[in-house]
Amino acid sequence: MAPTPQQNDLKAVLDSATYYNRRTHRLYLMGKRGFDLIAAAIGLILLSPLFLLISLLIKLESPKDSVFFYQTRVGRNEQTFKMFKFRSMIANAEEMLEGLLSHNEVEGAMFKMKKDPRITNVGKFIRKTSIDELPQLWNVIRGDMSLVGPRPALPREVQEYSSYDKLRLKVQPGCTGLWQVSGRNELSFNEMVELDLKYIEERGFLLDLKLVLLTVKVMFGSKNAY
């Protein structure tokens, strides 16, 4: 049976709405990348004195160890990349992890421990203020990450993910997001996943800007980072 004029009109409206949504989404992604590049470049320039100070403090505490630390993380569509941080733990921290897993204080596929014995004295401060995360601005420049998006997971965490959990890996991971400004380590893994999926559903320019501004506030007043 041939479609009626009303059915043709409805199809035209739906096709138009679909095209508009796709076009708007493409424009958002292009604008998001442009904002990421500009903001990350400005951030690296303005924060360079702080980078030098933190580097000096890390070296003074442990002269033989590196200033920066990188981990393999899982990004968009489960592609791995090297995520950079200021080193906040002792040099053999990864080797000690296996013996500490039983002390995990976060439910689900994450490891967090408030009094982690691997953290250095300088590390306690830069983790509390999230300064240790600032080198990830370089990951933003490289295109590994966005300023705003789901927290990039470790490969061992992703191995424990359900198909539902993996939905959070459909977009570019970010330096900050809803999880980071909504309680961070006080939240469970499942709550983190729900917040990430909420962001993916509602993301847009205004939400991204709001989360960036909230992150600045959290960095100087957070009690939930460790």
Foldseek 3Di string as FASTA:
>chain_A
DDDDPVVVVVVVVVVVVVVVVVVQVVVQVVVQLVCLQVVLVVLCVVCVVVLVVQQVVVCVVPVVDHQKDWAWFAAAPRDIDIAIFGDFFDPCLVVCVVVCQVQAPAPALDRDHPPPVGGDPSSVLCQQLVVRRSVNSVVSNVVQAGQEAAATHHPSSVVRDDPLLCVSRNHGHHSWYPCNLPQNQVDHPVVSSVRRVVCVVDPGDVRSVVGVVSSNVCSVPPPRTD
